[in-house]
C-alpha atoms as a PDB file:
ATOM      1  CA  MET A   1       7.911 -12.383 -12.938  1.00  0.00           C
ATOM      2  CA  SER A   2       8.413 -16.074 -12.390  1.00  0.00           C
ATOM      3  CA  THR A   3       9.913 -17.794  -9.252  1.00  0.00           C
ATOM      4  CA  ASP A   4      12.990 -18.780 -11.154  1.00  0.00           C
ATOM      5  CA  GLN A   5      13.660 -15.073 -11.848  1.00  0.00           C
ATOM      6  CA  LEU A   6      13.204 -14.178  -8.450  1.00  0.00           C
ATOM      7  CA  GLY A   7      15.880 -16.777  -7.373  1.00  0.00           C
ATOM      8  CA  SER A   8      18.631 -14.362  -8.490  1.00  0.00           C
ATOM      9  CA  GLY A   9      19.960 -12.280  -5.684  1.00  0.00           C
ATOM     10  CA  GLY A  10      19.947  -9.152  -7.689  1.00  0.00           C
ATOM     11  CA  VAL A  11      16.297  -9.380  -8.515  1.00  0.00           C
ATOM     12  CA  VAL A  12      15.128 -10.209  -5.144  1.00  0.00           C
ATOM     13  CA  ALA A  13      17.276  -7.559  -3.394  1.00  0.00           C
ATOM     14  CA  GLU A  14      15.824  -4.946  -5.742  1.00  0.00           C
ATOM     15  CA  GLN A  15      12.137  -6.005  -5.039  1.00  0.00           C
ATOM     16  CA  PHE A  16      12.756  -5.595  -1.196  1.00  0.00           C
ATOM     17  CA  GLY A  17      14.705  -2.455  -1.497  1.00  0.00           C
ATOM     18  CA  GLY A  18      18.266  -3.923  -0.780  1.00  0.00           C
ATOM     19  CA  ARG A  19      21.610  -4.575  -2.567  1.00  0.00           C
ATOM     20  CA  PRO A  20      21.876  -7.696  -4.480  1.00  0.00           C
ATOM     21  CA  TYR A  21      23.335 -10.619  -2.667  1.00  0.00           C
ATOM     22  CA  ARG A  22      27.073 -11.571  -3.350  1.00  0.00           C
ATOM     23  CA  LYS A  23      29.302 -13.678  -1.217  1.00  0.00           C
ATOM     24  CA  ARG A  24      31.432 -10.841  -0.548  1.00  0.00           C
ATOM     25  CA  SER A  25      28.410  -9.097   1.147  1.00  0.00           C
ATOM     26  CA  HIS A  26      29.408 -10.990   4.244  1.00  0.00           C
ATOM     27  CA  LEU A  27      32.184  -8.525   4.710  1.00  0.00           C
ATOM     28  CA  ARG A  28      29.517  -5.988   5.624  1.00  0.00           C
ATOM     29  CA  TRP A  29      29.169  -8.000   9.120  1.00  0.00           C
ATOM     30  CA  ILE A  30      32.541  -9.642   9.406  1.00  0.00           C
ATOM     31  CA  VAL A  31      34.532  -6.318   9.238  1.00  0.00           C
ATOM     32  CA  PRO A  32      32.651  -4.660  12.176  1.00  0.00           C
ATOM     33  CA  LEU A  33      32.699  -7.852  14.188  1.00  0.00           C
ATOM     34  CA  VAL A  34      36.336  -8.202  13.758  1.00  0.00           C
ATOM     35  CA  SER A  35      36.937  -4.506  14.406  1.00  0.00           C
ATOM     36  CA  ALA A  36      35.256  -4.731  17.892  1.00  0.00           C
ATOM     37  CA  PRO A  37      38.113  -6.463  19.717  1.00  0.00           C
ATOM     38  CA  VAL A  38      40.670  -4.680  17.742  1.00  0.00           C
ATOM     39  CA  THR A  39      39.270  -1.228  18.808  1.00  0.00           C
ATOM     40  CA  PHE A  40      38.890  -2.371  22.259  1.00  0.00           C
ATOM     41  CA  VAL A  41      42.559  -3.242  22.518  1.00  0.00           C
ATOM     42  CA  GLY A  42      43.605  -0.265  20.629  1.00  0.00           C
ATOM     43  CA  PHE A  43      41.699   2.281  22.580  1.00  0.00           C
ATOM     44  CA  GLY A  44      42.601   0.467  25.950  1.00  0.00           C
ATOM     45  CA  TRP A  45      46.292   0.427  25.062  1.00  0.00           C
ATOM     46  CA  SER A  46      46.272   4.087  23.960  1.00  0.00           C
ATOM     47  CA  GLN A  47      44.689   4.879  27.432  1.00  0.00           C
ATOM     48  CA  TYR A  48      47.341   2.931  29.217  1.00  0.00           C
ATOM     49  CA  LEU A  49      50.289   4.701  27.204  1.00  0.00           C
ATOM     50  CA  VAL A  50      48.778   8.110  28.005  1.00  0.00           C
ATOM     51  CA  SER A  51      48.391   7.331  31.778  1.00  0.00           C
ATOM     52  CA  LEU A  52      52.167   6.420  31.731  1.00  0.00           C
ATOM     53  CA  SER A  53      53.231   9.739  30.340  1.00  0.00           C
ATOM     54  CA  ALA A  54      50.824  11.938  32.105  1.00  0.00           C
ATOM     55  CA  ALA A  55      51.977  14.237  34.963  1.00  0.00           C
ATOM     56  CA  GLU A  56      50.158  14.129  38.040  1.00  0.00           C
ATOM     57  CA  GLY A  57      47.284  16.585  38.257  1.00  0.00           C
ATOM     58  CA  ASP A  58      47.323  17.100  34.546  1.00  0.00           C
ATOM     59  CA  LEU A  59      43.689  17.808  33.731  1.00  0.00           C
ATOM     60  CA  GLN A  60      44.136  17.543  30.026  1.00  0.00           C
ATOM     61  CA  SER A  61      45.689  14.183  30.282  1.00  0.00           C
ATOM     62  CA  LEU A  62      43.038  13.056  32.659  1.00  0.00           C
ATOM     63  CA  LEU A  63      40.092  14.031  30.228  1.00  0.00           C
ATOM     64  CA  LEU A  64      41.946  12.407  27.355  1.00  0.00           C
ATOM     65  CA  GLN A  65      42.268   9.029  29.318  1.00  0.00           C
ATOM     66  CA  LEU A  66      38.533   9.083  30.167  1.00  0.00           C
ATOM     67  CA  ALA A  67      37.668   9.685  26.478  1.00  0.00           C
ATOM     68  CA  LEU A  68      39.933   6.782  25.558  1.00  0.00           C
ATOM     69  CA  LEU A  69      38.447   4.629  28.141  1.00  0.00           C
ATOM     70  CA  ALA A  70      34.915   5.563  26.983  1.00  0.00           C
ATOM     71  CA  ALA A  71      35.815   4.722  23.473  1.00  0.00           C
ATOM     72  CA  ALA A  72      37.260   1.455  24.472  1.00  0.00           C
ATOM     73  CA  PHE A  73      33.746   0.116  25.623  1.00  0.00           C
ATOM     74  CA  LEU A  74      31.403   2.188  23.336  1.00  0.00           C
ATOM     75  CA  VAL A  75      33.009   1.825  19.941  1.00  0.00           C
ATOM     76  CA  PRO A  76      33.294  -2.110  20.205  1.00  0.00           C
ATOM     77  CA  VAL A  77      29.592  -2.195  21.425  1.00  0.00           C
ATOM     78  CA  ALA A  78      28.488  -0.051  18.452  1.00  0.00           C
ATOM     79  CA  ALA A  79      30.617  -2.259  16.135  1.00  0.00           C
ATOM     80  CA  VAL A  80      28.921  -5.416  17.438  1.00  0.00           C
ATOM     81  CA  ILE A  81      25.539  -3.812  16.952  1.00  0.00           C
ATOM     82  CA  VAL A  82      26.295  -2.983  13.486  1.00  0.00           C
ATOM     83  CA  ALA A  83      27.691  -6.528  12.860  1.00  0.00           C
ATOM     84  CA  ILE A  84      24.479  -8.120  14.094  1.00  0.00           C
ATOM     85  CA  VAL A  85      22.160  -5.950  11.947  1.00  0.00           C
ATOM     86  CA  GLN A  86      24.281  -6.369   8.779  1.00  0.00           C
ATOM     87  CA  ALA A  87      24.406 -10.181   9.399  1.00  0.00           C
ATOM     88  CA  VAL A  88      20.626 -10.299   9.697  1.00  0.00           C
ATOM     89  CA  VAL A  89      20.341  -8.321   6.504  1.00  0.00           C
ATOM     90  CA  VAL A  90      22.919 -10.364   4.623  1.00  0.00           C
ATOM     91  CA  HIS A  91      21.213 -13.482   5.693  1.00  0.00           C
ATOM     92  CA  GLY A  92      17.880 -12.365   4.390  1.00  0.00           C
ATOM     93  CA  HIS A  93      19.314 -11.601   1.146  1.00  0.00           C
ATOM     94  CA  ALA A  94      21.248 -14.963   0.973  1.00  0.00           C
ATOM     95  CA  ARG A  95      17.942 -16.715   1.806  1.00  0.00           C
ATOM     96  CA  ARG A  96      15.959 -14.887  -0.823  1.00  0.00           C
ATOM     97  CA  ALA A  97      18.626 -15.503  -3.321  1.00  0.00           C
ATOM     98  CA  LYS A  98      18.037 -19.325  -2.899  1.00  0.00           C
ATOM     99  CA  GLY A  99      14.351 -18.878  -3.562  1.00  0.00           C
ATOM    100  CA  ARG A 100      13.293 -19.174   0.315  1.00  0.00           C
ATOM    101  CA  PHE A 101      10.771 -16.435   1.299  1.00  0.00           C
ATOM    102  CA  THR A 102       8.618 -15.718   4.355  1.00  0.00           C
ATOM    103  CA  ALA A 103       4.966 -15.697   4.158  1.00  0.00           C
ATOM    104  CA  THR A 104       4.997 -11.782   4.070  1.00  0.00           C
ATOM    105  CA  GLU A 105       7.576 -11.757   1.434  1.00  0.00           C
ATOM    106  CA  ARG A 106       5.662 -14.250  -0.729  1.00  0.00           C
ATOM    107  CA  ALA A 107       2.492 -12.207  -0.383  1.00  0.00           C
ATOM    108  CA  THR A 108       4.473  -9.109  -1.329  1.00  0.00           C
ATOM    109  CA  ILE A 109       5.791 -10.988  -4.428  1.00  0.00           C
ATOM    110  CA  ASP A 110       2.391 -12.250  -5.408  1.00  0.00           C
ATOM    111  CA  ALA A 111       0.794  -8.807  -5.140  1.00  0.00           C
ATOM    112  CA  ARG A 112       3.488  -7.421  -7.323  1.00  0.00           C
ATOM    113  CA  GLU A 113       3.252 -10.091  -9.776  1.00  0.00           C
ATOM    114  CA  ALA A 114      -0.558  -9.689  -9.938  1.00  0.00           C
ATOM    115  CA  SER A 115      -0.208  -5.983 -10.243  1.00  0.00           C
ATOM    116  CA  ASP A 116       2.185  -6.421 -13.152  1.00  0.00           C
ATOM    117  CA  ARG A 117      -0.059  -8.983 -14.956  1.00  0.00           C
ATOM    118  CA  GLY A 118      -2.980  -6.424 -14.550  1.00  0.00           C
ATOM    119  CA  ARG A 119      -1.244  -3.632 -16.028  1.00  0.00           C
ATOM    120  CA  ARG A 120       0.047  -5.671 -18.915  1.00  0.00           C
ATOM    121  CA  ALA A 121      -3.314  -6.796 -19.602  1.00  0.00           C
ATOM    122  CA  ALA A 122      -4.662  -3.231 -19.704  1.00  0.00           C
ATOM    123  CA  VAL A 123      -1.706  -2.265 -22.059  1.00  0.00           C
ATOM    124  CA  ASP A 124      -2.511  -5.287 -24.305  1.00  0.00           C
ATOM    125  CA  LEU A 125      -6.258  -4.639 -24.368  1.00  0.00           C
ATOM    126  CA  ARG A 126      -5.880  -1.003 -25.182  1.00  0.00           C
ATOM    127  CA  ALA A 127      -3.433  -1.951 -28.173  1.00  0.00           C
ATOM    128  CA  LEU A 128      -5.825  -4.606 -29.236  1.00  0.00           C
ATOM    129  CA  LEU A 129      -8.975  -2.257 -29.227  1.00  0.00           C
ATOM    130  CA  LEU A 130      -6.912   0.377 -31.122  1.00  0.00           C
ATOM    131  CA  ALA A 131      -6.246  -2.175 -33.837  1.00  0.00           C
ATOM    132  CA  ARG A 132      -9.893  -2.472 -34.016  1.00  0.00           C
ATOM    133  CA  GLN A 133      -9.979  -5.939 -32.750  1.00  0.00           C
ATOM    134  CA  LEU A 134     -12.206  -7.210 -29.890  1.00  0.00           C
ATOM    135  CA  PRO A 135     -10.938  -9.179 -27.023  1.00  0.00           C
ATOM    136  CA  ALA A 136     -11.803 -12.796 -26.502  1.00  0.00           C
ATOM    137  CA  GLU A 137     -15.354 -13.516 -25.326  1.00  0.00           C
ATOM    138  CA  ILE A 138     -16.038 -15.371 -22.052  1.00  0.00           C
ATOM    139  CA  ARG A 139     -19.006 -17.291 -21.180  1.00  0.00           C
ATOM    140  CA  VAL A 140     -20.952 -16.289 -18.022  1.00  0.00           C
ATOM    141  CA  TRP A 141     -23.745 -18.435 -16.751  1.00  0.00           C
ATOM    142  CA  ASP A 142     -24.572 -16.528 -13.548  1.00  0.00           C
ATOM    143  CA  VAL A 143     -25.855 -13.513 -15.452  1.00  0.00           C
ATOM    144  CA  VAL A 144     -28.602 -13.321 -18.072  1.00  0.00           C
ATOM    145  CA  PRO A 145     -27.040 -11.301 -21.033  1.00  0.00           C
ATOM    146  CA  GLY A 146     -28.836  -8.710 -22.692  1.00  0.00           C
ATOM    147  CA  LEU A 147     -29.698  -8.624 -26.480  1.00  0.00           C
ATOM    148  CA  GLY A 148     -26.349  -8.636 -28.275  1.00  0.00           C
ATOM    149  CA  GLU A 149     -24.421  -8.604 -25.013  1.00  0.00           C
ATOM    150  CA  VAL A 150     -20.992 -10.411 -24.677  1.00  0.00           C
ATOM    151  CA  PHE A 151     -18.635 -10.433 -21.653  1.00  0.00           C
ATOM    152  CA  PHE A 152     -14.980  -9.942 -21.755  1.00  0.00           C
ATOM    153  CA  LEU A 153     -13.882  -9.844 -18.182  1.00  0.00           C
ATOM    154  CA  ASP A 154     -14.647 -11.978 -14.979  1.00  0.00           C
ATOM    155  CA  THR A 155     -12.611 -10.826 -12.080  1.00  0.00           C
ATOM    156  CA  ARG A 156     -12.795  -9.491  -8.504  1.00  0.00           C
ATOM    157  CA  ALA A 157     -12.478  -5.809  -7.394  1.00  0.00           C
ATOM    158  CA  ASP A 158     -12.941  -3.654  -4.247  1.00  0.00           C
ATOM    159  CA  TYR A 159     -16.381  -2.014  -4.503  1.00  0.00           C
ATOM    160  CA  PHE A 160     -17.396   1.335  -3.084  1.00  0.00           C
ATOM    161  CA  ARG A 161     -20.409   3.711  -3.394  1.00  0.00           C
ATOM    162  CA  TYR A 162     -20.431   7.295  -2.475  1.00  0.00           C
ATOM    163  CA  TYR A 163     -23.323   8.806  -0.661  1.00  0.00           C
ATOM    164  CA  GLY A 164     -24.413  10.495   2.531  1.00  0.00           C
ATOM    165  CA  ARG A 165     -27.091   9.352   4.992  1.00  0.00           C
ATOM    166  CA  ASP A 166     -29.510  10.629   7.666  1.00  0.00           C
ATOM    167  CA  VAL A 167     -27.945  10.142  11.213  1.00  0.00           C
ATOM    168  CA  SER A 168     -29.652  10.968  14.473  1.00  0.00           C
ATOM    169  CA  TYR A 169     -28.343  11.217  17.918  1.00  0.00           C
ATOM    170  CA  THR A 170     -29.884  11.486  21.489  1.00  0.00           C
ATOM    171  CA  ARG A 171     -29.302  14.798  23.421  1.00  0.00           C
ATOM    172  CA  THR A 172     -28.455  13.975  27.076  1.00  0.00           C
ATOM    173  CA  SER A 173     -29.868  16.214  29.902  1.00  0.00           C
ATOM    174  CA  GLY A 174     -30.141  15.986  33.624  1.00  0.00           C
ATOM    175  CA  PHE A 175     -31.610  17.729  36.594  1.00  0.00           C
ATOM    176  CA  TYR A 176     -29.004  18.572  39.060  1.00  0.00           C
ATOM    177  CA  VAL A 177     -29.597  19.638  42.609  1.00  0.00           C
ATOM    178  CA  GLY A 178     -26.906  20.659  45.188  1.00  0.00           C
ATOM    179  CA  ARG A 179     -24.009  22.935  45.494  1.00  0.00           C
ATOM    180  CA  PRO A 180     -23.414  25.469  42.649  1.00  0.00           C
ATOM    181  CA  ALA A 181     -20.146  23.647  41.583  1.00  0.00           C
ATOM    182  CA  PHE A 182     -21.773  20.322  41.192  1.00  0.00           C
ATOM    183  CA  VAL A 183     -24.595  21.725  39.105  1.00  0.00           C
ATOM    184  CA  ALA A 184     -22.139  23.630  36.954  1.00  0.00           C
ATOM    185  CA  ALA A 185     -20.155  20.441  36.403  1.00  0.00           C
ATOM    186  CA  GLY A 186     -23.148  18.397  35.441  1.00  0.00           C
ATOM    187  CA  LEU A 187     -24.440  20.934  32.911  1.00  0.00           C
ATOM    188  CA  PHE A 188     -20.695  21.169  31.512  1.00  0.00           C
ATOM    189  CA  ALA A 189     -20.625  17.518  31.159  1.00  0.00           C
ATOM    190  CA  ASN A 190     -24.078  17.421  29.369  1.00  0.00           C
ATOM    191  CA  ALA A 191     -22.958  20.152  27.009  1.00  0.00           C
ATOM    192  CA  VAL A 192     -19.616  18.306  26.151  1.00  0.00           C
ATOM    193  CA  SER A 193     -21.471  15.058  25.610  1.00  0.00           C
ATOM    194  CA  ASN A 194     -23.965  16.586  23.287  1.00  0.00           C
ATOM    195  CA  THR A 195     -21.297  18.438  21.285  1.00  0.00           C
ATOM    196  CA  VAL A 196     -19.354  15.155  20.777  1.00  0.00           C
ATOM    197  CA  ASN A 197     -22.500  13.325  19.820  1.00  0.00           C
ATOM    198  CA  ALA A 198     -23.418  15.940  17.265  1.00  0.00           C
ATOM    199  CA  SER A 199     -19.991  16.150  15.748  1.00  0.00           C
ATOM    200  CA  VAL A 200     -20.003  12.369  15.288  1.00  0.00           C
ATOM    201  CA  ALA A 201     -23.366  12.207  13.786  1.00  0.00           C
ATOM    202  CA  HIS A 202     -22.465  15.104  11.298  1.00  0.00           C
ATOM    203  CA  ALA A 203     -19.120  13.209  10.237  1.00  0.00           C
ATOM    204  CA  GLN A 204     -21.137  10.062   9.652  1.00  0.00           C
ATOM    205  CA  ALA A 205     -23.709  11.863   7.864  1.00  0.00           C
ATOM    206  CA  GLN A 206     -21.321  13.377   5.244  1.00  0.00           C
ATOM    207  CA  ALA A 207     -21.127  11.924   1.751  1.00  0.00           C
ATOM    208  CA  GLN A 208     -18.174   9.638   1.471  1.00  0.00           C
ATOM    209  CA  TRP A 209     -17.232   6.227  -0.022  1.00  0.00           C
ATOM    210  CA  ARG A 210     -19.085   3.668   1.823  1.00  0.00           C
ATOM    211  CA  ASP A 211     -20.110  -0.027   1.539  1.00  0.00           C
ATOM    212  CA  ARG A 212     -16.523  -1.252   0.810  1.00  0.00           C
ATOM    213  CA  GLN A 213     -16.408  -4.925   0.002  1.00  0.00           C
ATOM    214  CA  GLN A 214     -14.743  -7.428  -2.325  1.00  0.00           C
ATOM    215  CA  ALA A 215     -17.191  -7.995  -5.340  1.00  0.00           C
ATOM    216  CA  ARG A 216     -17.223 -10.075  -8.425  1.00  0.00           C
ATOM    217  CA  LEU A 217     -16.739  -7.823 -11.497  1.00  0.00           C
ATOM    218  CA  LEU A 218     -18.187  -8.777 -14.900  1.00  0.00           C
ATOM    219  CA  VAL A 219     -17.300  -6.478 -17.888  1.00  0.00           C
ATOM    220  CA  SER A 220     -19.323  -6.561 -20.959  1.00  0.00           C
ATOM    221  CA  ASN A 221     -19.865  -4.589 -24.050  1.00  0.00           C
ATOM    222  CA  GLN A 222     -22.929  -2.944 -22.400  1.00  0.00           C
ATOM    223  CA  ARG A 223     -22.350  -2.721 -18.763  1.00  0.00           C
ATOM    224  CA  LEU A 224     -20.188  -3.185 -15.664  1.00  0.00           C
ATOM    225  CA  VAL A 225     -21.964  -6.076 -13.455  1.00  0.00           C
ATOM    226  CA  CYS A 226     -21.000  -6.404  -9.750  1.00  0.00           C
ATOM    227  CA  GLN A 227     -22.112  -9.256  -7.460  1.00  0.00           C
ATOM    228  CA  VAL A 228     -22.124  -7.609  -3.957  1.00  0.00           C
ATOM    229  CA  SER A 229     -22.839  -8.917  -0.410  1.00  0.00           C
ATOM    230  CA  GLY A 230     -25.829 -11.258  -0.396  1.00  0.00           C
ATOM    231  CA  GLY A 231     -25.232 -12.513  -3.800  1.00  0.00           C
ATOM    232  CA  ARG A 232     -27.109  -9.524  -5.372  1.00  0.00           C
ATOM    233  CA  TRP A 233     -26.054  -8.630  -8.921  1.00  0.00           C
ATOM    234  CA  LEU A 234     -25.957  -4.793  -9.716  1.00  0.00           C
ATOM    235  CA  SER A 235     -25.615  -3.573 -13.262  1.00  0.00           C
ATOM    236  CA  PHE A 236     -24.134  -0.296 -14.283  1.00  0.00           C
ATOM    237  CA  HIS A 237     -24.870   0.428 -17.860  1.00  0.00           C
ATOM    238  CA  TYR A 238     -22.515   2.454 -20.035  1.00  0.00           C
ATOM    239  CA  SER A 239     -25.477   4.304 -21.341  1.00  0.00           C
ATOM    240  CA  ALA A 240     -26.499   5.447 -17.934  1.00  0.00           C
ATOM    241  CA  MET A 241     -22.957   6.868 -16.982  1.00  0.00           C
ATOM    242  CA  THR A 242     -22.640  10.555 -16.976  1.00  0.00           C
ATOM    243  CA  ALA A 243     -18.896  10.711 -16.098  1.00  0.00           C
ATOM    244  CA  VAL A 244     -16.000   8.249 -16.121  1.00  0.00           C
ATOM    245  CA  TYR A 245     -12.682   8.773 -14.270  1.00  0.00           C
ATOM    246  CA  PRO A 246     -10.266   5.907 -15.116  1.00  0.00           C
ATOM    247  CA  GLU A 247      -7.016   6.334 -12.926  1.00  0.00           C
ATOM    248  CA  VAL A 248      -5.044   3.270 -14.050  1.00  0.00           C
ATOM    249  CA  ASP A 249      -1.936   4.207 -12.108  1.00  0.00           C
ATOM    250  CA  SER A 250      -3.852   3.854  -8.875  1.00  0.00           C
ATOM    251  CA  TRP A 251      -5.880   0.698 -10.128  1.00  0.00           C
ATOM    252  CA  THR A 252      -9.053   2.565  -9.860  1.00  0.00           C
ATOM    253  CA  LEU A 253     -12.174   3.440 -11.906  1.00  0.00           C
ATOM    254  CA  VAL A 254     -14.823   5.895 -10.769  1.00  0.00           C
ATOM    255  CA  THR A 255     -18.142   6.243 -12.597  1.00  0.00           C
ATOM    256  CA  GLN A 256     -21.162   8.654 -11.985  1.00  0.00           C
ATOM    257  CA  PHE A 257     -24.857   8.382 -13.032  1.00  0.00           C
ATOM    258  CA  ASP A 258     -27.856  10.530 -12.953  1.00  0.00           C
ATOM    259  CA  SER A 259     -30.139   8.235 -10.794  1.00  0.00           C
ATOM    260  CA  ALA A 260     -27.602   6.382  -8.776  1.00  0.00           C
ATOM    261  CA  GLU A 261     -24.830   6.780  -6.490  1.00  0.00           C
ATOM    262  CA  PRO A 262     -21.169   7.142  -7.880  1.00  0.00           C
ATOM    263  CA  LEU A 263     -19.393   3.731  -8.096  1.00  0.00           C
ATOM    264  CA  MET A 264     -15.644   3.248  -7.422  1.00  0.00           C
ATOM    265  CA  LEU A 265     -13.961  -0.092  -8.391  1.00  0.00           C
ATOM    266  CA  ARG A 266     -10.136  -0.784  -7.280  1.00  0.00           C
ATOM    267  CA  GLY A 267      -8.032  -3.716  -8.020  1.00  0.00           C
ATOM    268  CA  VAL A 268      -5.355  -5.200 -10.165  1.00  0.00           C
ATOM    269  CA  ASP A 269      -7.660  -5.990 -13.145  1.00  0.00           C
ATOM    270  CA  VAL A 270      -9.616  -2.606 -12.802  1.00  0.00           C
ATOM    271  CA  PRO A 271      -7.154  -0.863 -15.355  1.00  0.00           C
ATOM    272  CA  ALA A 272      -8.402  -3.330 -18.043  1.00  0.00           C
ATOM    273  CA  ALA A 273     -12.014  -2.748 -17.000  1.00  0.00           C
ATOM    274  CA  ALA A 274     -11.314   1.031 -17.230  1.00  0.00           C
ATOM    275  CA  VAL A 275      -9.986   0.635 -20.807  1.00  0.00           C
ATOM    276  CA  LEU A 276     -13.119  -1.189 -21.915  1.00  0.00           C
ATOM    277  CA  THR A 277     -15.279   1.356 -20.188  1.00  0.00           C
ATOM    278  CA  VAL A 278     -13.601   4.290 -21.836  1.00  0.00           C
ATOM    279  CA  ARG A 279     -14.065   2.501 -25.138  1.00  0.00           C
ATOM    280  CA  MET A 280     -17.562   1.833 -24.651  1.00  0.00           C
ATOM    281  CA  THR A 281     -18.431   5.361 -23.320  1.00  0.00           C
ATOM    282  CA  HIS A 282     -16.078   7.738 -25.204  1.00  0.00           C
ATOM    283  CA  GLY A 283     -15.424   5.687 -28.413  1.00  0.00           C
ATOM    284  CA  GLU A 284     -12.083   4.417 -30.027  1.00  0.00           C
ATOM    285  CA  ASP A 285     -10.522   7.699 -30.213  1.00  0.00           C
ATOM    286  CA  ALA A 286     -10.614   8.202 -26.428  1.00  0.00           C
ATOM    287  CA  LEU A 287      -8.258   5.079 -25.972  1.00  0.00           C
ATOM    288  CA  GLY A 288      -5.290   7.166 -27.408  1.00  0.00           C
ATOM    289  CA  ARG A 289      -6.247  10.666 -25.994  1.00  0.00           C
ATOM    290  CA  HIS A 290      -7.851  10.063 -22.509  1.00  0.00           C
ATOM    291  CA  PRO A 291      -5.459  11.509 -19.925  1.00  0.00           C
ATOM    292  CA  GLY A 292      -6.471   8.811 -17.490  1.00  0.00           C
ATOM    293  CA  LEU A 293      -5.066   6.020 -19.958  1.00  0.00           C
ATOM    294  CA  ALA A 294      -1.971   8.126 -21.086  1.00  0.00           C
ATOM    295  CA  SER A 295       0.513   6.113 -18.881  1.00  0.00           C
ATOM    296  CA  LEU A 296      -0.496   2.866 -20.556  1.00  0.00           C
ATOM    297  CA  GLU A 297       0.991   4.263 -23.774  1.00  0.00           C
ATOM    298  CA  GLY A 298       4.528   4.256 -22.317  1.00  0.00           C
ATOM    299  CA  ASP A 299       4.424   0.606 -21.635  1.00  0.00           C
ATOM    300  CA  ASP A 300       3.501  -0.468 -25.146  1.00  0.00           C
END
C-alpha cells in the first residue's frame, strides 16, 4: 500500500479502526457542543416552571426539581466531554486523510506494509515453485557456498533456540539465639528465602525459547544460515532437519534436529523462508498439501 493510497480518508480510517473521514464527520462534535447550552437552558427553565406550579410541601415536585437541576448541570458537562472526544477523533481522521501521520502511526503503517509485502512474496514464491521454476538467485559474499549451493533470500528475522540449562542457587541458613519467637521468625525467613530461590532456579532451568535476537538470515537450496551476535554464522542444513513447522499466519518457522537445539525464526520475510524450507525438505508436492502453507493458497 503506497502513501498516496493512504492519503484517502477511507483507507486510513480503516487502517486505524475508525470511520472514513468526511466533512460531515464534524457534526459528531458540533452537535453535542451545541446541545450543551441548549440542554442547560432547557432543564433550567423546566425546573423554574415546576417550582412555580409546585404546592408548598409537595415532596414529589421537590424531587422533580432536584432531578431537573442536576440534569441542567450534568447533561451539558457530558455533552461537552463527548464533543471534545469526538473533536479529537475527527481531527485525527482529517489529519491522516491529508497524509500527515504521527511517528507511531507511520511505524504502524510501515509494519503493515512490510507484512503485506512479506506475505505477497511467500504467495508468489509458492506459485513459482509449483510452476517448477526457481526464484532469482542472489550473490552472497559473506558466506562460502557449498558445492552446487545457490542463495535465494537475504533478510533479517528474530532468532530463538529452545533448550534448558543447569541452574544452581545458594541455600541460606543462620544461627539464631534469643527468644523463641525471634528464632522461629529467623528460621521461617530462611525457609521462605530458600523456597523462592529454588522456584526461580527451577523456572530458569526449564526448557524454553532462549537467545532471542535479530539475526541476518540467508536461505539457499541447501540450508538456512543465520548470523547471530558476535558475527558468528550458524548453518542449519535441510538434510539435518527432523521436523519442520511452518506457521505462515504467525510469520514463524520452527525446525528440529537430531543433534542440535530446535530453531525458531520469526519475521515478515519468514513465510518465504518457510516455503523454501518445505520445498527442500518435503518436496514439490508439499507446497500444495502442507497444512502450514494452506492459507497462502487463498491469496493466490
